[in-house]
Amino acid sequence: MNIAVVGTGYVGLVTGTCFAETGNHVTCIDINAEKVARMQQGEIPIYEPHLETLFQRNIRQGRLTFTTKLDEGVKNAAVVFLALPTPPGEDGSADLSHVHDVASQLGTLIQSYKIIVNKSTVPVGTAEQVRKVILSAMKKDPSEANSLFDVVSNPEFLREGFAVDDFMKPDRVVIGTGSERAKKVLTELYGPFVRQGNPVYFMDERSSELTKYAANAFL
């Protein structure tokens, strides 16, 4: 499957590399040209146990590539993961400007069906906001536009120092979507990671977003 990951921070790079390891073709996208150039040369920008081995192997085998160009990265992608920073503002609320900016750009680029998956930690209701932003940027009839994409919430539960193990052998996978089409694709995508029988929980988008905050609160 062709996948794009927007953002190559801690979550994005682990996500992209691990999906490449299971045979997918992954394009990681970042606006930092210097960082992208370094990764294209095989230089990994973060340290996480076991990550560099997977990173180097999948670059060599052509399954993991990097670009600064969003249009190039998402053109052939069936699934686009958003792993963007959502830093807290002065009042403690999450800054969603990066998420909204990329969503707006995606609205001008989507020409065939894509699943937009939010992996960032975001407030409840963000999936609906992202959907509205994409729709507003599309210059298409509403009925046609709605059929071209789904927005999914798929929070990450990665522990620093164990992120690769947590991704490759997750305790559970949480996917928020009301779309049967998206559910089918993501079931296939996550299949290799849950072969031991660990659960994949499907729920609505808001419940999925809330699950991430609930897990953080328990931790």
C-alpha atoms as a PDB file:
ATOM      1  CA  MET A   1       0.000   0.000   0.000  1.00  0.00           C
ATOM      2  CA  ASN A   2       1.208   3.540  -0.701  1.00  0.00           C
ATOM      3  CA  ILE A   3       1.269   5.701   2.413  1.00  0.00           C
ATOM      4  CA  ALA A   4       2.232   9.302   3.152  1.00  0.00           C
ATOM      5  CA  VAL A   5       3.247  10.552   6.591  1.00  0.00           C
ATOM      6  CA  VAL A   6       3.178  14.320   7.062  1.00  0.00           C
ATOM      7  CA  GLY A   7       5.624  15.312   9.785  1.00  0.00           C
ATOM      8  CA  THR A   8       8.841  13.484  10.658  1.00  0.00           C
ATOM      9  CA  GLY A   9       9.028  14.092  14.369  1.00  0.00           C
ATOM     10  CA  TYR A  10       9.110  11.294  16.909  1.00  0.00           C
ATOM     11  CA  VAL A  11       5.664   9.898  16.047  1.00  0.00           C
ATOM     12  CA  GLY A  12       5.842  10.453  12.304  1.00  0.00           C
ATOM     13  CA  LEU A  13       9.224   8.858  11.771  1.00  0.00           C
ATOM     14  CA  VAL A  14       8.409   5.788  13.881  1.00  0.00           C
ATOM     15  CA  THR A  15       5.040   5.433  12.128  1.00  0.00           C
ATOM     16  CA  GLY A  16       6.486   5.740   8.631  1.00  0.00           C
ATOM     17  CA  THR A  17       9.422   3.425   9.264  1.00  0.00           C
ATOM     18  CA  CYS A  18       7.325   0.700  10.887  1.00  0.00           C
ATOM     19  CA  PHE A  19       4.738   0.750   8.094  1.00  0.00           C
ATOM     20  CA  ALA A  20       7.571   0.457   5.565  1.00  0.00           C
ATOM     21  CA  GLU A  21       8.923  -2.541   7.486  1.00  0.00           C
ATOM     22  CA  THR A  22       5.692  -4.448   6.795  1.00  0.00           C
ATOM     23  CA  GLY A  23       6.024  -3.954   3.031  1.00  0.00           C
ATOM     24  CA  ASN A  24       4.259  -0.661   2.405  1.00  0.00           C
ATOM     25  CA  HIS A  25       5.761   2.135   0.326  1.00  0.00           C
ATOM     26  CA  VAL A  26       5.989   5.160   2.594  1.00  0.00           C
ATOM     27  CA  THR A  27       6.779   8.774   1.722  1.00  0.00           C
ATOM     28  CA  CYS A  28       7.597  10.970   4.711  1.00  0.00           C
ATOM     29  CA  ILE A  29       6.991  14.692   4.200  1.00  0.00           C
ATOM     30  CA  ASP A  30       8.505  17.561   6.159  1.00  0.00           C
ATOM     31  CA  ILE A  31       8.916  21.288   5.498  1.00  0.00           C
ATOM     32  CA  ASN A  32      12.435  21.289   6.958  1.00  0.00           C
ATOM     33  CA  ALA A  33      14.566  20.918   3.816  1.00  0.00           C
ATOM     34  CA  GLU A  34      17.809  20.361   5.730  1.00  0.00           C
ATOM     35  CA  LYS A  35      16.266  17.571   7.794  1.00  0.00           C
ATOM     36  CA  VAL A  36      14.798  15.920   4.696  1.00  0.00           C
ATOM     37  CA  ALA A  37      18.153  16.085   2.907  1.00  0.00           C
ATOM     38  CA  ARG A  38      19.869  14.406   5.855  1.00  0.00           C
ATOM     39  CA  MET A  39      17.273  11.618   5.951  1.00  0.00           C
ATOM     40  CA  GLN A  40      17.610  11.105   2.205  1.00  0.00           C
ATOM     41  CA  GLN A  41      21.293  10.463   2.885  1.00  0.00           C
ATOM     42  CA  GLY A  42      20.387   7.864   5.493  1.00  0.00           C
ATOM     43  CA  GLU A  43      20.977  10.035   8.563  1.00  0.00           C
ATOM     44  CA  ILE A  44      18.313   9.468  11.215  1.00  0.00           C
ATOM     45  CA  PRO A  45      17.426  12.616  13.197  1.00  0.00           C
ATOM     46  CA  ILE A  46      16.307  10.948  16.439  1.00  0.00           C
ATOM     47  CA  TYR A  47      17.461   8.074  18.612  1.00  0.00           C
ATOM     48  CA  GLU A  48      15.055   5.305  19.446  1.00  0.00           C
ATOM     49  CA  PRO A  49      16.148   1.696  20.099  1.00  0.00           C
ATOM     50  CA  HIS A  50      15.896  -0.505  16.965  1.00  0.00           C
ATOM     51  CA  LEU A  51      14.645   2.370  14.789  1.00  0.00           C
ATOM     52  CA  GLU A  52      17.871   2.994  12.866  1.00  0.00           C
ATOM     53  CA  THR A  53      18.114  -0.627  11.735  1.00  0.00           C
ATOM     54  CA  LEU A  54      14.602  -0.509  10.258  1.00  0.00           C
ATOM     55  CA  PHE A  55      15.199   3.005   8.897  1.00  0.00           C
ATOM     56  CA  GLN A  56      18.346   2.024   6.991  1.00  0.00           C
ATOM     57  CA  ARG A  57      16.917  -1.274   5.713  1.00  0.00           C
ATOM     58  CA  ASN A  58      13.775   0.291   4.271  1.00  0.00           C
ATOM     59  CA  ILE A  59      15.659   3.148   2.633  1.00  0.00           C
ATOM     60  CA  ARG A  60      17.975   0.608   0.955  1.00  0.00           C
ATOM     61  CA  GLN A  61      15.016  -1.460  -0.219  1.00  0.00           C
ATOM     62  CA  GLY A  62      13.223   1.591  -1.618  1.00  0.00           C
ATOM     63  CA  ARG A  63      10.184   1.435   0.645  1.00  0.00           C
ATOM     64  CA  LEU A  64      10.975   4.588   2.661  1.00  0.00           C
ATOM     65  CA  THR A  65      11.507   7.927   0.935  1.00  0.00           C
ATOM     66  CA  PHE A  66      11.482  11.585   1.984  1.00  0.00           C
ATOM     67  CA  THR A  67      10.375  14.851   0.403  1.00  0.00           C
ATOM     68  CA  THR A  68       9.516  18.458   1.233  1.00  0.00           C
ATOM     69  CA  LYS A  69       6.741  18.515  -1.363  1.00  0.00           C
ATOM     70  CA  LEU A  70       3.278  17.698  -0.045  1.00  0.00           C
ATOM     71  CA  ASP A  71       1.793  17.278  -3.522  1.00  0.00           C
ATOM     72  CA  GLU A  72       4.501  14.805  -4.513  1.00  0.00           C
ATOM     73  CA  GLY A  73       4.155  12.863  -1.259  1.00  0.00           C
ATOM     74  CA  VAL A  74       0.389  12.409  -1.263  1.00  0.00           C
ATOM     75  CA  LYS A  75      -0.215  12.026  -5.004  1.00  0.00           C
ATOM     76  CA  ASN A  76      -0.292   8.221  -5.026  1.00  0.00           C
ATOM     77  CA  ALA A  77      -0.996   7.639  -1.338  1.00  0.00           C
ATOM     78  CA  ALA A  78      -4.080   5.686  -0.323  1.00  0.00           C
ATOM     79  CA  VAL A  79      -3.633   6.760   3.307  1.00  0.00           C
ATOM     80  CA  VAL A  80      -2.193  10.061   4.561  1.00  0.00           C
ATOM     81  CA  PHE A  81      -1.119  10.168   8.213  1.00  0.00           C
ATOM     82  CA  LEU A  82      -0.897  13.556   9.930  1.00  0.00           C
ATOM     83  CA  ALA A  83       1.824  13.462  12.593  1.00  0.00           C
ATOM     84  CA  LEU A  84       2.064  17.181  13.172  1.00  0.00           C
ATOM     85  CA  PRO A  85       3.008  19.206  16.268  1.00  0.00           C
ATOM     86  CA  THR A  86       0.118  20.559  18.358  1.00  0.00           C
ATOM     87  CA  PRO A  87       1.962  22.610  20.994  1.00  0.00           C
ATOM     88  CA  PRO A  88       0.008  24.112  23.899  1.00  0.00           C
ATOM     89  CA  GLY A  89      -0.789  27.824  23.695  1.00  0.00           C
ATOM     90  CA  GLU A  90      -0.540  30.292  26.563  1.00  0.00           C
ATOM     91  CA  ASP A  91      -3.973  29.234  27.786  1.00  0.00           C
ATOM     92  CA  GLY A  92      -3.041  25.539  27.586  1.00  0.00           C
ATOM     93  CA  SER A  93      -5.155  24.799  24.513  1.00  0.00           C
ATOM     94  CA  ALA A  94      -3.650  22.852  21.618  1.00  0.00           C
ATOM     95  CA  ASP A  95      -2.381  24.894  18.683  1.00  0.00           C
ATOM     96  CA  LEU A  96      -3.969  23.239  15.637  1.00  0.00           C
ATOM     97  CA  SER A  97      -2.560  25.683  13.080  1.00  0.00           C
ATOM     98  CA  HIS A  98      -0.215  23.092  11.539  1.00  0.00           C
ATOM     99  CA  VAL A  99      -3.014  20.542  11.270  1.00  0.00           C
ATOM    100  CA  HIS A 100      -5.412  23.058   9.687  1.00  0.00           C
ATOM    101  CA  ASP A 101      -2.746  24.332   7.287  1.00  0.00           C
ATOM    102  CA  VAL A 102      -1.967  20.858   5.952  1.00  0.00           C
ATOM    103  CA  ALA A 103      -5.691  20.011   5.778  1.00  0.00           C
ATOM    104  CA  SER A 104      -6.286  23.106   3.668  1.00  0.00           C
ATOM    105  CA  GLN A 105      -3.468  22.147   1.297  1.00  0.00           C
ATOM    106  CA  LEU A 106      -4.824  18.607   1.042  1.00  0.00           C
ATOM    107  CA  GLY A 107      -8.169  20.015  -0.019  1.00  0.00           C
ATOM    108  CA  THR A 108      -6.531  21.476  -3.137  1.00  0.00           C
ATOM    109  CA  LEU A 109      -4.634  18.252  -3.921  1.00  0.00           C
ATOM    110  CA  ILE A 110      -7.109  15.387  -3.442  1.00  0.00           C
ATOM    111  CA  GLN A 111      -8.328  14.059  -6.783  1.00  0.00           C
ATOM    112  CA  SER A 112      -9.057  10.431  -5.852  1.00  0.00           C
ATOM    113  CA  TYR A 113     -10.200   8.717  -2.660  1.00  0.00           C
ATOM    114  CA  LYS A 114      -7.827   9.073   0.286  1.00  0.00           C
ATOM    115  CA  ILE A 115      -8.021   8.362   3.986  1.00  0.00           C
ATOM    116  CA  ILE A 116      -6.687  11.212   6.114  1.00  0.00           C
ATOM    117  CA  VAL A 117      -5.564   9.810   9.458  1.00  0.00           C
ATOM    118  CA  ASN A 118      -4.811  12.072  12.406  1.00  0.00           C
ATOM    119  CA  LYS A 119      -2.100  10.652  14.693  1.00  0.00           C
ATOM    120  CA  SER A 120      -1.421  13.916  16.521  1.00  0.00           C
ATOM    121  CA  THR A 121      -2.762  14.453  20.040  1.00  0.00           C
ATOM    122  CA  VAL A 122      -5.705  16.757  19.396  1.00  0.00           C
ATOM    123  CA  PRO A 123      -8.842  17.984  21.183  1.00  0.00           C
ATOM    124  CA  VAL A 124     -12.117  16.136  20.798  1.00  0.00           C
ATOM    125  CA  GLY A 125     -13.827  17.298  17.617  1.00  0.00           C
ATOM    126  CA  THR A 126     -10.656  17.860  15.582  1.00  0.00           C
ATOM    127  CA  ALA A 127     -11.544  15.226  12.970  1.00  0.00           C
ATOM    128  CA  GLU A 128     -14.718  17.177  12.209  1.00  0.00           C
ATOM    129  CA  GLN A 129     -12.723  20.400  11.942  1.00  0.00           C
ATOM    130  CA  VAL A 130     -10.221  18.793   9.580  1.00  0.00           C
ATOM    131  CA  ARG A 131     -13.047  17.514   7.409  1.00  0.00           C
ATOM    132  CA  LYS A 132     -14.571  20.999   7.179  1.00  0.00           C
ATOM    133  CA  VAL A 133     -11.212  22.588   6.328  1.00  0.00           C
ATOM    134  CA  ILE A 134     -10.580  20.073   3.525  1.00  0.00           C
ATOM    135  CA  LEU A 135     -14.081  20.519   2.120  1.00  0.00           C
ATOM    136  CA  SER A 136     -13.784  24.304   2.156  1.00  0.00           C
ATOM    137  CA  ALA A 137     -10.546  24.113   0.146  1.00  0.00           C
ATOM    138  CA  MET A 138     -12.034  21.762  -2.463  1.00  0.00           C
ATOM    139  CA  LYS A 139     -13.508  23.436  -5.495  1.00  0.00           C
ATOM    140  CA  LYS A 140     -15.920  20.604  -6.157  1.00  0.00           C
ATOM    141  CA  ASP A 141     -19.597  19.790  -5.849  1.00  0.00           C
ATOM    142  CA  PRO A 142     -20.249  18.835  -2.178  1.00  0.00           C
ATOM    143  CA  SER A 143     -21.546  15.366  -3.030  1.00  0.00           C
ATOM    144  CA  GLU A 144     -18.441  14.625  -5.094  1.00  0.00           C
ATOM    145  CA  ALA A 145     -16.096  16.142  -2.521  1.00  0.00           C
ATOM    146  CA  ASN A 146     -17.529  14.056   0.317  1.00  0.00           C
ATOM    147  CA  SER A 147     -16.888  10.849  -1.618  1.00  0.00           C
ATOM    148  CA  LEU A 148     -13.203  11.638  -2.166  1.00  0.00           C
ATOM    149  CA  PHE A 149     -11.929  11.315   1.397  1.00  0.00           C
ATOM    150  CA  ASP A 150     -12.535  10.168   4.952  1.00  0.00           C
ATOM    151  CA  VAL A 151     -10.990  11.661   8.073  1.00  0.00           C
ATOM    152  CA  VAL A 152      -9.988   9.137  10.743  1.00  0.00           C
ATOM    153  CA  SER A 153      -8.676   9.457  14.293  1.00  0.00           C
ATOM    154  CA  ASN A 154      -5.918   6.946  15.113  1.00  0.00           C
ATOM    155  CA  PRO A 155      -4.069   8.050  18.259  1.00  0.00           C
ATOM    156  CA  GLU A 156      -0.592   6.799  19.081  1.00  0.00           C
ATOM    157  CA  PHE A 157       0.390   5.079  22.317  1.00  0.00           C
ATOM    158  CA  LEU A 158       4.167   5.066  21.967  1.00  0.00           C
ATOM    159  CA  ARG A 159       6.508   5.084  24.951  1.00  0.00           C
ATOM    160  CA  GLU A 160       9.840   6.789  24.533  1.00  0.00           C
ATOM    161  CA  GLY A 161      12.534   4.128  24.475  1.00  0.00           C
ATOM    162  CA  PHE A 162      10.014   1.444  23.472  1.00  0.00           C
ATOM    163  CA  ALA A 163       8.331   3.145  20.509  1.00  0.00           C
ATOM    164  CA  VAL A 164       9.316   0.605  17.855  1.00  0.00           C
ATOM    165  CA  ASP A 165       8.217  -2.338  20.011  1.00  0.00           C
ATOM    166  CA  ASP A 166       4.998  -0.518  20.916  1.00  0.00           C
ATOM    167  CA  PHE A 167       4.212   0.101  17.244  1.00  0.00           C
ATOM    168  CA  MET A 168       5.177  -3.328  15.949  1.00  0.00           C
ATOM    169  CA  LYS A 169       3.421  -5.172  18.792  1.00  0.00           C
ATOM    170  CA  PRO A 170       0.701  -2.819  20.051  1.00  0.00           C
ATOM    171  CA  ASP A 171      -1.375  -3.562  23.154  1.00  0.00           C
ATOM    172  CA  ARG A 172      -4.305  -2.235  21.148  1.00  0.00           C
ATOM    173  CA  VAL A 173      -5.044  -0.165  18.063  1.00  0.00           C
ATOM    174  CA  VAL A 174      -7.716   2.522  18.341  1.00  0.00           C
ATOM    175  CA  ILE A 175      -9.378   3.730  15.145  1.00  0.00           C
ATOM    176  CA  GLY A 176     -12.121   6.327  15.073  1.00  0.00           C
ATOM    177  CA  THR A 177     -14.206   6.254  11.904  1.00  0.00           C
ATOM    178  CA  GLY A 178     -17.778   5.847  10.760  1.00  0.00           C
ATOM    179  CA  SER A 179     -16.697   4.840   7.253  1.00  0.00           C
ATOM    180  CA  GLU A 180     -16.823   1.170   6.301  1.00  0.00           C
ATOM    181  CA  ARG A 181     -14.501   1.930   3.390  1.00  0.00           C
ATOM    182  CA  ALA A 182     -11.848   3.418   5.678  1.00  0.00           C
ATOM    183  CA  LYS A 183     -12.363   0.624   8.211  1.00  0.00           C
ATOM    184  CA  LYS A 184     -11.613  -2.028   5.582  1.00  0.00           C
ATOM    185  CA  VAL A 185      -8.401  -0.320   4.425  1.00  0.00           C
ATOM    186  CA  LEU A 186      -7.079   0.290   7.939  1.00  0.00           C
ATOM    187  CA  THR A 187      -7.908  -3.268   9.016  1.00  0.00           C
ATOM    188  CA  GLU A 188      -5.682  -4.477   6.178  1.00  0.00           C
ATOM    189  CA  LEU A 189      -2.950  -1.945   6.993  1.00  0.00           C
ATOM    190  CA  TYR A 190      -2.769  -2.857  10.685  1.00  0.00           C
ATOM    191  CA  GLY A 191      -3.220  -6.598  10.086  1.00  0.00           C
ATOM    192  CA  PRO A 192       0.500  -7.484  10.330  1.00  0.00           C
ATOM    193  CA  PHE A 193       0.774  -5.780  13.724  1.00  0.00           C
ATOM    194  CA  VAL A 194      -2.084  -7.617  15.446  1.00  0.00           C
ATOM    195  CA  ARG A 195      -1.515 -11.184  14.271  1.00  0.00           C
ATOM    196  CA  GLN A 196      -1.087 -12.302  17.893  1.00  0.00           C
ATOM    197  CA  GLY A 197      -4.689 -11.340  18.578  1.00  0.00           C
ATOM    198  CA  ASN A 198      -4.274  -7.933  20.191  1.00  0.00           C
ATOM    199  CA  PRO A 199      -7.459  -5.951  19.698  1.00  0.00           C
ATOM    200  CA  VAL A 200      -8.317  -3.301  17.130  1.00  0.00           C
ATOM    201  CA  TYR A 201     -11.008  -1.073  18.592  1.00  0.00           C
ATOM    202  CA  PHE A 202     -13.251   0.730  16.125  1.00  0.00           C
ATOM    203  CA  MET A 203     -15.314   3.623  17.430  1.00  0.00           C
ATOM    204  CA  ASP A 204     -16.496   7.060  16.351  1.00  0.00           C
ATOM    205  CA  GLU A 205     -13.943   9.824  15.809  1.00  0.00           C
ATOM    206  CA  ARG A 206     -14.741  11.766  18.982  1.00  0.00           C
ATOM    207  CA  SER A 207     -14.477   8.661  21.165  1.00  0.00           C
ATOM    208  CA  SER A 208     -11.098   7.864  19.631  1.00  0.00           C
ATOM    209  CA  GLU A 209      -9.826  11.384  20.318  1.00  0.00           C
ATOM    210  CA  LEU A 210     -11.068  11.181  23.898  1.00  0.00           C
ATOM    211  CA  THR A 211      -9.408   7.765  24.366  1.00  0.00           C
ATOM    212  CA  LYS A 212      -5.979   9.345  23.844  1.00  0.00           C
ATOM    213  CA  TYR A 213      -6.589  11.922  26.593  1.00  0.00           C
ATOM    214  CA  ALA A 214      -8.022   9.262  28.894  1.00  0.00           C
ATOM    215  CA  ALA A 215      -4.937   7.072  28.403  1.00  0.00           C
ATOM    216  CA  ASN A 216      -2.644  10.032  29.073  1.00  0.00           C
ATOM    217  CA  ALA A 217      -4.578  10.866  32.221  1.00  0.00           C
ATOM    218  CA  PHE A 218      -4.275   7.297  33.541  1.00  0.00           C
ATOM    219  CA  LEU A 219      -0.560   7.320  32.808  1.00  0.00           C
END
